[in-house]
Amino acid sequence: MPYVYMLRCADGSYYVGSTRNLELRMFQHDSDRDGASYTRSRRPVTLVWQAEVEHVGEAFSLEKQIQGWGRKKREALIRGDFEVLPGLSSRRGGKPPSGG
């Protein structure tokens, strides 16, 4: 089954990825073989969140969605604080629309 996952890097940043084999991918992130270039200089990494999904396309889509999120929203996901996620969405284009 495909997974989407989030790592906390040694520098406190987050890395979001997707894979068909989470155990192998974690090994790769922690070794010099096939790990992402982002995590290579930020080891050690810690798995802080994961979700198993039905299809690879779904995992990739969710990965890209979470990559676009800010730090507070990612941390709410890690905590499982799902009810605050919509409120942490940023508005594109600046100011909220005025009524009228």
PDB file of N, CA and C in Angstrom:
ATOM      1  N   MET A   1       0.834  -1.192   0.000  1.00  0.00           N
ATOM      2  CA  MET A   1       0.000   0.000   0.000  1.00  0.00           C
ATOM      3  C   MET A   1       0.876   1.252   0.000  1.00  0.00           C
ATOM      4  N   PRO A   2       0.452   2.270  -0.683  1.00  0.00           N
ATOM      5  CA  PRO A   2       1.194   3.540  -0.701  1.00  0.00           C
ATOM      6  C   PRO A   2       1.000   4.326   0.601  1.00  0.00           C
ATOM      7  N   TYR A   3       1.990   5.126   0.908  1.00  0.00           N
ATOM      8  CA  TYR A   3       1.978   5.969   2.101  1.00  0.00           C
ATOM      9  C   TYR A   3       2.348   7.399   1.726  1.00  0.00           C
ATOM     10  N   VAL A   4       1.832   8.327   2.499  1.00  0.00           N
ATOM     11  CA  VAL A   4       2.342   9.685   2.530  1.00  0.00           C
ATOM     12  C   VAL A   4       2.849   9.868   3.953  1.00  0.00           C
ATOM     13  N   TYR A   5       3.968  10.586   4.100  1.00  0.00           N
ATOM     14  CA  TYR A   5       4.597  10.653   5.416  1.00  0.00           C
ATOM     15  C   TYR A   5       5.259  12.009   5.615  1.00  0.00           C
ATOM     16  N   MET A   6       5.527  12.312   6.881  1.00  0.00           N
ATOM     17  CA  MET A   6       6.213  13.544   7.223  1.00  0.00           C
ATOM     18  C   MET A   6       7.336  13.218   8.204  1.00  0.00           C
ATOM     19  N   LEU A   7       8.489  13.815   7.937  1.00  0.00           N
ATOM     20  CA  LEU A   7       9.656  13.652   8.793  1.00  0.00           C
ATOM     21  C   LEU A   7       9.989  14.974   9.464  1.00  0.00           C
ATOM     22  N   ARG A   8      10.456  14.905  10.694  1.00  0.00           N
ATOM     23  CA  ARG A   8      11.056  16.074  11.341  1.00  0.00           C
ATOM     24  C   ARG A   8      12.556  15.889  11.216  1.00  0.00           C
ATOM     25  N   CYS A   9      13.208  16.893  10.638  1.00  0.00           N
ATOM     26  CA  CYS A   9      14.653  16.846  10.429  1.00  0.00           C
ATOM     27  C   CYS A   9      15.370  17.398  11.657  1.00  0.00           C
ATOM     28  N   ALA A  10      16.666  17.127  11.744  1.00  0.00           N
ATOM     29  CA  ALA A  10      17.476  17.564  12.881  1.00  0.00           C
ATOM     30  C   ALA A  10      17.458  19.080  13.051  1.00  0.00           C
ATOM     31  N   ASP A  11      17.264  19.829  11.968  1.00  0.00           N
ATOM     32  CA  ASP A  11      17.232  21.296  12.057  1.00  0.00           C
ATOM     33  C   ASP A  11      15.842  21.832  12.405  1.00  0.00           C
ATOM     34  N   GLY A  12      14.879  20.915  12.669  1.00  0.00           N
ATOM     35  CA  GLY A  12      13.526  21.324  13.036  1.00  0.00           C
ATOM     36  C   GLY A  12      12.584  21.502  11.863  1.00  0.00           C
ATOM     37  N   SER A  13      13.079  21.402  10.643  1.00  0.00           N
ATOM     38  CA  SER A  13      12.230  21.535   9.463  1.00  0.00           C
ATOM     39  C   SER A  13      11.479  20.224   9.224  1.00  0.00           C
ATOM     40  N   TYR A  14      10.496  20.277   8.335  1.00  0.00           N
ATOM     41  CA  TYR A  14       9.705  19.098   7.992  1.00  0.00           C
ATOM     42  C   TYR A  14       9.919  18.731   6.534  1.00  0.00           C
ATOM     43  N   TYR A  15       9.893  17.445   6.279  1.00  0.00           N
ATOM     44  CA  TYR A  15       9.979  16.904   4.925  1.00  0.00           C
ATOM     45  C   TYR A  15       8.745  16.050   4.709  1.00  0.00           C
ATOM     46  N   VAL A  16       8.074  16.234   3.577  1.00  0.00           N
ATOM     47  CA  VAL A  16       6.885  15.454   3.241  1.00  0.00           C
ATOM     48  C   VAL A  16       7.181  14.637   1.997  1.00  0.00           C
ATOM     49  N   GLY A  17       6.848  13.350   2.033  1.00  0.00           N
ATOM     50  CA  GLY A  17       7.084  12.485   0.892  1.00  0.00           C
ATOM     51  C   GLY A  17       6.005  11.430   0.762  1.00  0.00           C
ATOM     52  N   SER A  18       6.111  10.640  -0.295  1.00  0.00           N
ATOM     53  CA  SER A  18       5.201   9.508  -0.489  1.00  0.00           C
ATOM     54  C   SER A  18       6.017   8.339  -1.032  1.00  0.00           C
ATOM     55  N   THR A  19       5.538   7.135  -0.762  1.00  0.00           N
ATOM     56  CA  THR A  19       6.278   5.938  -1.142  1.00  0.00           C
ATOM     57  C   THR A  19       5.361   4.725  -1.136  1.00  0.00           C
ATOM     58  N   ARG A  20       5.802   3.675  -1.772  1.00  0.00           N
ATOM     59  CA  ARG A  20       5.090   2.389  -1.705  1.00  0.00           C
ATOM     60  C   ARG A  20       5.616   1.537  -0.555  1.00  0.00           C
ATOM     61  N   ASN A  21       6.830   1.831  -0.086  1.00  0.00           N
ATOM     62  CA  ASN A  21       7.457   1.017   0.956  1.00  0.00           C
ATOM     63  C   ASN A  21       8.054   1.961   2.000  1.00  0.00           C
ATOM     64  N   LEU A  22       7.325   2.224   3.057  1.00  0.00           N
ATOM     65  CA  LEU A  22       7.743   3.204   4.061  1.00  0.00           C
ATOM     66  C   LEU A  22       8.994   2.756   4.808  1.00  0.00           C
ATOM     67  N   GLU A  23       9.094   1.484   5.147  1.00  0.00           N
ATOM     68  CA  GLU A  23      10.263   0.993   5.877  1.00  0.00           C
ATOM     69  C   GLU A  23      11.542   1.187   5.053  1.00  0.00           C
ATOM     70  N   LEU A  24      11.497   0.826   3.779  1.00  0.00           N
ATOM     71  CA  LEU A  24      12.649   1.007   2.897  1.00  0.00           C
ATOM     72  C   LEU A  24      12.976   2.493   2.733  1.00  0.00           C
ATOM     73  N   ARG A  25      11.956   3.312   2.561  1.00  0.00           N
ATOM     74  CA  ARG A  25      12.187   4.747   2.350  1.00  0.00           C
ATOM     75  C   ARG A  25      12.813   5.390   3.582  1.00  0.00           C
ATOM     76  N   MET A  26      12.400   4.975   4.769  1.00  0.00           N
ATOM     77  CA  MET A  26      13.010   5.508   5.990  1.00  0.00           C
ATOM     78  C   MET A  26      14.485   5.105   6.058  1.00  0.00           C
ATOM     79  N   PHE A  27      14.787   3.866   5.703  1.00  0.00           N
ATOM     80  CA  PHE A  27      16.180   3.431   5.654  1.00  0.00           C
ATOM     81  C   PHE A  27      16.976   4.303   4.685  1.00  0.00           C
ATOM     82  N   GLN A  28      16.400   4.594   3.535  1.00  0.00           N
ATOM     83  CA  GLN A  28      17.081   5.420   2.540  1.00  0.00           C
ATOM     84  C   GLN A  28      17.322   6.836   3.061  1.00  0.00           C
ATOM     85  N   HIS A  29      16.345   7.407   3.747  1.00  0.00           N
ATOM     86  CA  HIS A  29      16.520   8.757   4.289  1.00  0.00           C
ATOM     87  C   HIS A  29      17.652   8.800   5.313  1.00  0.00           C
ATOM     88  N   ASP A  30      17.827   7.721   6.057  1.00  0.00           N
ATOM     89  CA  ASP A  30      18.847   7.692   7.104  1.00  0.00           C
ATOM     90  C   ASP A  30      20.199   7.176   6.626  1.00  0.00           C
ATOM     91  N   SER A  31      20.291   6.789   5.354  1.00  0.00           N
ATOM     92  CA  SER A  31      21.563   6.286   4.836  1.00  0.00           C
ATOM     93  C   SER A  31      22.036   7.202   3.707  1.00  0.00           C
ATOM     94  N   ASP A  32      23.174   6.905   3.171  1.00  0.00           N
ATOM     95  CA  ASP A  32      23.710   7.696   2.061  1.00  0.00           C
ATOM     96  C   ASP A  32      23.207   7.204   0.710  1.00  0.00           C
ATOM     97  N   ARG A  33      22.335   6.219   0.723  1.00  0.00           N
ATOM     98  CA  ARG A  33      21.844   5.643  -0.524  1.00  0.00           C
ATOM     99  C   ARG A  33      20.418   6.082  -0.802  1.00  0.00           C
ATOM    100  N   ASP A  34      20.211   6.752  -1.888  1.00  0.00           N
ATOM    101  CA  ASP A  34      18.879   7.065  -2.409  1.00  0.00           C
ATOM    102  C   ASP A  34      18.018   7.953  -1.520  1.00  0.00           C
ATOM    103  N   GLY A  35      18.563   8.556  -0.497  1.00  0.00           N
ATOM    104  CA  GLY A  35      17.775   9.479   0.319  1.00  0.00           C
ATOM    105  C   GLY A  35      17.545  10.783  -0.427  1.00  0.00           C
ATOM    106  N   ALA A  36      16.556  11.529  -0.021  1.00  0.00           N
ATOM    107  CA  ALA A  36      16.292  12.822  -0.638  1.00  0.00           C
ATOM    108  C   ALA A  36      17.437  13.780  -0.326  1.00  0.00           C
ATOM    109  N   SER A  37      17.789  14.610  -1.272  1.00  0.00           N
ATOM    110  CA  SER A  37      18.887  15.553  -1.046  1.00  0.00           C
ATOM    111  C   SER A  37      18.552  16.512   0.093  1.00  0.00           C
ATOM    112  N   TYR A  38      17.267  16.822   0.289  1.00  0.00           N
ATOM    113  CA  TYR A  38      16.871  17.723   1.374  1.00  0.00           C
ATOM    114  C   TYR A  38      17.223  17.132   2.734  1.00  0.00           C
ATOM    115  N   THR A  39      16.942  15.872   2.936  1.00  0.00           N
ATOM    116  CA  THR A  39      17.182  15.263   4.245  1.00  0.00           C
ATOM    117  C   THR A  39      18.638  14.847   4.440  1.00  0.00           C
ATOM    118  N   ARG A  40      19.383  14.702   3.365  1.00  0.00           N
ATOM    119  CA  ARG A  40      20.762  14.217   3.462  1.00  0.00           C
ATOM    120  C   ARG A  40      21.604  15.075   4.401  1.00  0.00           C
ATOM    121  N   SER A  41      21.408  16.387   4.369  1.00  0.00           N
ATOM    122  CA  SER A  41      22.201  17.286   5.222  1.00  0.00           C
ATOM    123  C   SER A  41      21.470  17.657   6.507  1.00  0.00           C
ATOM    124  N   ARG A  42      20.333  17.010   6.779  1.00  0.00           N
ATOM    125  CA  ARG A  42      19.520  17.345   7.951  1.00  0.00           C
ATOM    126  C   ARG A  42      19.239  16.130   8.822  1.00  0.00           C
ATOM    127  N   ARG A  43      20.134  15.183   8.824  1.00  0.00           N
ATOM    128  CA  ARG A  43      19.968  13.979   9.630  1.00  0.00           C
ATOM    129  C   ARG A  43      20.371  14.239  11.069  1.00  0.00           C
ATOM    130  N   PRO A  44      19.818  13.476  11.991  1.00  0.00           N
ATOM    131  CA  PRO A  44      18.867  12.387  11.781  1.00  0.00           C
ATOM    132  C   PRO A  44      17.454  12.919  11.540  1.00  0.00           C
ATOM    133  N   VAL A  45      16.639  12.074  10.928  1.00  0.00           N
ATOM    134  CA  VAL A  45      15.241  12.408  10.691  1.00  0.00           C
ATOM    135  C   VAL A  45      14.369  11.483  11.526  1.00  0.00           C
ATOM    136  N   THR A  46      13.191  11.987  11.880  1.00  0.00           N
ATOM    137  CA  THR A  46      12.248  11.217  12.691  1.00  0.00           C
ATOM    138  C   THR A  46      10.893  11.211  11.992  1.00  0.00           C
ATOM    139  N   LEU A  47      10.317  10.041  11.846  1.00  0.00           N
ATOM    140  CA  LEU A  47       8.976   9.926  11.278  1.00  0.00           C
ATOM    141  C   LEU A  47       7.981  10.465  12.299  1.00  0.00           C
ATOM    142  N   VAL A  48       7.232  11.511  11.933  1.00  0.00           N
ATOM    143  CA  VAL A  48       6.290  12.117  12.877  1.00  0.00           C
ATOM    144  C   VAL A  48       4.836  11.937  12.456  1.00  0.00           C
ATOM    145  N   TRP A  49       4.592  11.554  11.204  1.00  0.00           N
ATOM    146  CA  TRP A  49       3.223  11.355  10.739  1.00  0.00           C
ATOM    147  C   TRP A  49       3.253  10.481   9.498  1.00  0.00           C
ATOM    148  N   GLN A  50       2.230   9.634   9.369  1.00  0.00           N
ATOM    149  CA  GLN A  50       2.085   8.801   8.175  1.00  0.00           C
ATOM    150  C   GLN A  50       0.624   8.479   7.958  1.00  0.00           C
ATOM    151  N   ALA A  51       0.274   8.256   6.706  1.00  0.00           N
ATOM    152  CA  ALA A  51      -1.073   7.818   6.352  1.00  0.00           C
ATOM    153  C   ALA A  51      -0.959   6.816   5.212  1.00  0.00           C
ATOM    154  N   GLU A  52      -1.662   5.715   5.356  1.00  0.00           N
ATOM    155  CA  GLU A  52      -1.728   4.712   4.299  1.00  0.00           C
ATOM    156  C   GLU A  52      -2.945   5.030   3.440  1.00  0.00           C
ATOM    157  N   VAL A  53      -2.770   5.019   2.131  1.00  0.00           N
ATOM    158  CA  VAL A  53      -3.856   5.331   1.209  1.00  0.00           C
ATOM    159  C   VAL A  53      -4.015   4.203   0.197  1.00  0.00           C
ATOM    160  N   GLU A  54      -5.070   4.272  -0.578  1.00  0.00           N
ATOM    161  CA  GLU A  54      -5.404   3.192  -1.516  1.00  0.00           C
ATOM    162  C   GLU A  54      -4.517   3.169  -2.762  1.00  0.00           C
ATOM    163  N   HIS A  55      -4.224   4.346  -3.329  1.00  0.00           N
ATOM    164  CA  HIS A  55      -3.563   4.412  -4.629  1.00  0.00           C
ATOM    165  C   HIS A  55      -2.349   5.343  -4.597  1.00  0.00           C
ATOM    166  N   VAL A  56      -1.364   5.033  -5.430  1.00  0.00           N
ATOM    167  CA  VAL A  56      -0.153   5.847  -5.521  1.00  0.00           C
ATOM    168  C   VAL A  56      -0.499   7.289  -5.884  1.00  0.00           C
ATOM    169  N   GLY A  57      -1.425   7.472  -6.804  1.00  0.00           N
ATOM    170  CA  GLY A  57      -1.821   8.819  -7.209  1.00  0.00           C
ATOM    171  C   GLY A  57      -2.390   9.618  -6.055  1.00  0.00           C
ATOM    172  N   GLU A  58      -3.139   8.966  -5.199  1.00  0.00           N
ATOM    173  CA  GLU A  58      -3.696   9.618  -4.017  1.00  0.00           C
ATOM    174  C   GLU A  58      -2.578  10.039  -3.057  1.00  0.00           C
ATOM    175  N   ALA A  59      -1.583   9.169  -2.875  1.00  0.00           N
ATOM    176  CA  ALA A  59      -0.447   9.493  -2.006  1.00  0.00           C
ATOM    177  C   ALA A  59       0.318  10.683  -2.553  1.00  0.00           C
ATOM    178  N   PHE A  60       0.572  10.695  -3.860  1.00  0.00           N
ATOM    179  CA  PHE A  60       1.310  11.788  -4.471  1.00  0.00           C
ATOM    180  C   PHE A  60       0.541  13.101  -4.361  1.00  0.00           C
ATOM    181  N   SER A  61      -0.766  13.044  -4.590  1.00  0.00           N
ATOM    182  CA  SER A  61      -1.602  14.240  -4.498  1.00  0.00           C
ATOM    183  C   SER A  61      -1.617  14.801  -3.071  1.00  0.00           C
ATOM    184  N   LEU A  62      -1.759  13.932  -2.091  1.00  0.00           N
ATOM    185  CA  LEU A  62      -1.760  14.360  -0.694  1.00  0.00           C
ATOM    186  C   LEU A  62      -0.391  14.914  -0.294  1.00  0.00           C
ATOM    187  N   GLU A  63       0.673  14.288  -0.786  1.00  0.00           N
ATOM    188  CA  GLU A  63       2.030  14.793  -0.540  1.00  0.00           C
ATOM    189  C   GLU A  63       2.155  16.235  -1.028  1.00  0.00           C
ATOM    190  N   LYS A  64       1.740  16.491  -2.253  1.00  0.00           N
ATOM    191  CA  LYS A  64       1.842  17.836  -2.823  1.00  0.00           C
ATOM    192  C   LYS A  64       0.982  18.831  -2.056  1.00  0.00           C
ATOM    193  N   GLN A  65      -0.195  18.406  -1.616  1.00  0.00           N
ATOM    194  CA  GLN A  65      -1.078  19.277  -0.842  1.00  0.00           C
ATOM    195  C   GLN A  65      -0.402  19.686   0.467  1.00  0.00           C
ATOM    196  N   ILE A  66       0.135  18.716   1.196  1.00  0.00           N
ATOM    197  CA  ILE A  66       0.759  19.003   2.485  1.00  0.00           C
ATOM    198  C   ILE A  66       2.038  19.820   2.310  1.00  0.00           C
ATOM    199  N   GLN A  67       2.753  19.595   1.223  1.00  0.00           N
ATOM    200  CA  GLN A  67       3.952  20.394   0.962  1.00  0.00           C
ATOM    201  C   GLN A  67       3.623  21.880   0.838  1.00  0.00           C
ATOM    202  N   GLY A  68       2.417  22.190   0.435  1.00  0.00           N
ATOM    203  CA  GLY A  68       1.996  23.586   0.297  1.00  0.00           C
ATOM    204  C   GLY A  68       1.518  24.209   1.606  1.00  0.00           C
ATOM    205  N   TRP A  69       1.424  23.441   2.649  1.00  0.00           N
ATOM    206  CA  TRP A  69       0.944  23.928   3.937  1.00  0.00           C
ATOM    207  C   TRP A  69       2.055  24.620   4.711  1.00  0.00           C
ATOM    208  N   GLY A  70       1.664  25.527   5.581  1.00  0.00           N
ATOM    209  CA  GLY A  70       2.596  26.181   6.489  1.00  0.00           C
ATOM    210  C   GLY A  70       2.913  25.291   7.680  1.00  0.00           C
ATOM    211  N   ARG A  71       3.868  25.733   8.454  1.00  0.00           N
ATOM    212  CA  ARG A  71       4.345  24.965   9.606  1.00  0.00           C
ATOM    213  C   ARG A  71       3.245  24.681  10.626  1.00  0.00           C
ATOM    214  N   LYS A  72       2.422  25.675  10.968  1.00  0.00           N
ATOM    215  CA  LYS A  72       1.369  25.473  11.972  1.00  0.00           C
ATOM    216  C   LYS A  72       0.360  24.431  11.526  1.00  0.00           C
ATOM    217  N   LYS A  73       0.026  24.438  10.253  1.00  0.00           N
ATOM    218  CA  LYS A  73      -0.937  23.472   9.741  1.00  0.00           C
ATOM    219  C   LYS A  73      -0.339  22.059   9.735  1.00  0.00           C
ATOM    220  N   ARG A  74       0.923  21.950   9.366  1.00  0.00           N
ATOM    221  CA  ARG A  74       1.590  20.644   9.407  1.00  0.00           C
ATOM    222  C   ARG A  74       1.642  20.115  10.840  1.00  0.00           C
ATOM    223  N   GLU A  75       1.935  20.979  11.782  1.00  0.00           N
ATOM    224  CA  GLU A  75       2.022  20.548  13.183  1.00  0.00           C
ATOM    225  C   GLU A  75       0.656  20.159  13.738  1.00  0.00           C
ATOM    226  N   ALA A  76      -0.402  20.811  13.277  1.00  0.00           N
ATOM    227  CA  ALA A  76      -1.759  20.407  13.681  1.00  0.00           C
ATOM    228  C   ALA A  76      -2.065  19.013  13.141  1.00  0.00           C
ATOM    229  N   LEU A  77      -1.648  18.722  11.922  1.00  0.00           N
ATOM    230  CA  LEU A  77      -1.839  17.386  11.352  1.00  0.00           C
ATOM    231  C   LEU A  77      -1.080  16.346  12.168  1.00  0.00           C
ATOM    232  N   ILE A  78       0.159  16.650  12.526  1.00  0.00           N
ATOM    233  CA  ILE A  78       0.966  15.730  13.335  1.00  0.00           C
ATOM    234  C   ILE A  78       0.275  15.441  14.669  1.00  0.00           C
ATOM    235  N   ARG A  79      -0.288  16.469  15.291  1.00  0.00           N
ATOM    236  CA  ARG A  79      -0.987  16.306  16.575  1.00  0.00           C
ATOM    237  C   ARG A  79      -2.329  15.601  16.429  1.00  0.00           C
ATOM    238  N   GLY A  80      -2.844  15.527  15.195  1.00  0.00           N
ATOM    239  CA  GLY A  80      -4.172  14.963  14.977  1.00  0.00           C
ATOM    240  C   GLY A  80      -5.269  15.951  15.301  1.00  0.00           C
ATOM    241  N   ASP A  81      -4.940  17.227  15.276  1.00  0.00           N
ATOM    242  CA  ASP A  81      -5.869  18.314  15.606  1.00  0.00           C
ATOM    243  C   ASP A  81      -6.607  18.749  14.334  1.00  0.00           C
ATOM    244  N   PHE A  82      -7.421  17.846  13.795  1.00  0.00           N
ATOM    245  CA  PHE A  82      -8.033  18.019  12.486  1.00  0.00           C
ATOM    246  C   PHE A  82      -9.023  19.175  12.410  1.00  0.00           C
ATOM    247  N   GLU A  83      -9.689  19.487  13.525  1.00  0.00           N
ATOM    248  CA  GLU A  83     -10.713  20.536  13.480  1.00  0.00           C
ATOM    249  C   GLU A  83     -10.118  21.922  13.252  1.00  0.00           C
ATOM    250  N   VAL A  84      -8.836  22.127  13.540  1.00  0.00           N
ATOM    251  CA  VAL A  84      -8.233  23.452  13.331  1.00  0.00           C
ATOM    252  C   VAL A  84      -7.616  23.608  11.940  1.00  0.00           C
ATOM    253  N   LEU A  85      -7.510  22.536  11.183  1.00  0.00           N
ATOM    254  CA  LEU A  85      -6.866  22.608   9.872  1.00  0.00           C
ATOM    255  C   LEU A  85      -7.500  23.640   8.943  1.00  0.00           C
ATOM    256  N   PRO A  86      -8.826  23.683   8.800  1.00  0.00           N
ATOM    257  CA  PRO A  86      -9.400  24.683   7.890  1.00  0.00           C
ATOM    258  C   PRO A  86      -9.072  26.122   8.297  1.00  0.00           C
ATOM    259  N   GLY A  87      -9.022  26.401   9.577  1.00  0.00           N
ATOM    260  CA  GLY A  87      -8.720  27.740  10.052  1.00  0.00           C
ATOM    261  C   GLY A  87      -7.277  28.140   9.843  1.00  0.00           C
ATOM    262  N   LEU A  88      -6.419  27.175   9.588  1.00  0.00           N
ATOM    263  CA  LEU A  88      -5.005  27.464   9.363  1.00  0.00           C
ATOM    264  C   LEU A  88      -4.672  27.623   7.885  1.00  0.00           C
ATOM    265  N   SER A  89      -5.689  27.531   7.037  1.00  0.00           N
ATOM    266  CA  SER A  89      -5.467  27.736   5.611  1.00  0.00           C
ATOM    267  C   SER A  89      -5.227  29.203   5.343  1.00  0.00           C
ATOM    268  N   SER A  90      -4.220  29.475   4.543  1.00  0.00           N
ATOM    269  CA  SER A  90      -3.946  30.875   4.203  1.00  0.00           C
ATOM    270  C   SER A  90      -4.752  31.255   2.971  1.00  0.00           C
ATOM    271  N   ARG A  91      -5.111  32.502   2.910  1.00  0.00           N
ATOM    272  CA  ARG A  91      -5.849  32.994   1.751  1.00  0.00           C
ATOM    273  C   ARG A  91      -4.847  33.422   0.692  1.00  0.00           C
ATOM    274  N   ARG A  92      -5.097  33.032  -0.518  1.00  0.00           N
ATOM    275  CA  ARG A  92      -4.244  33.474  -1.617  1.00  0.00           C
ATOM    276  C   ARG A  92      -4.712  34.855  -2.050  1.00  0.00           C
ATOM    277  N   GLY A  93      -3.772  35.711  -2.356  1.00  0.00           N
ATOM    278  CA  GLY A  93      -4.140  37.029  -2.843  1.00  0.00           C
ATOM    279  C   GLY A  93      -4.224  38.084  -1.775  1.00  0.00           C
ATOM    280  N   GLY A  94      -3.835  37.756  -0.557  1.00  0.00           N
ATOM    281  CA  GLY A  94      -3.754  38.797   0.465  1.00  0.00           C
ATOM    282  C   GLY A  94      -4.978  38.906   1.342  1.00  0.00           C
ATOM    283  N   LYS A  95      -5.586  40.082   1.368  1.00  0.00           N
ATOM    284  CA  LYS A  95      -6.667  40.400   2.297  1.00  0.00           C
ATOM    285  C   LYS A  95      -7.914  39.566   2.037  1.00  0.00           C
ATOM    286  N   PRO A  96      -8.653  39.265   3.112  1.00  0.00           N
ATOM    287  CA  PRO A  96      -9.922  38.567   2.917  1.00  0.00           C
ATOM    288  C   PRO A  96     -10.907  39.495   2.214  1.00  0.00           C
ATOM    289  N   PRO A  97     -11.871  38.911   1.497  1.00  0.00           N
ATOM    290  CA  PRO A  97     -12.847  39.741   0.784  1.00  0.00           C
ATOM    291  C   PRO A  97     -13.690  40.561   1.767  1.00  0.00           C
ATOM    292  N   SER A  98     -14.015  41.777   1.383  1.00  0.00           N
ATOM    293  CA  SER A  98     -14.863  42.617   2.241  1.00  0.00           C
ATOM    294  C   SER A  98     -16.323  42.338   1.914  1.00  0.00           C
ATOM    295  N   GLY A  99     -17.157  42.446   2.931  1.00  0.00           N
ATOM    296  CA  GLY A  99     -18.590  42.199   2.731  1.00  0.00           C
ATOM    297  C   GLY A  99     -19.245  43.358   2.009  1.00  0.00           C
ATOM    298  N   GLY A 100     -20.254  43.064   1.206  1.00  0.00           N
ATOM    299  CA  GLY A 100     -20.974  44.166   0.607  1.00  0.00           C
ATOM    300  C   GLY A 100     -21.142  44.042  -0.788  1.00  0.00           C
TER     301      GLY A 100
END
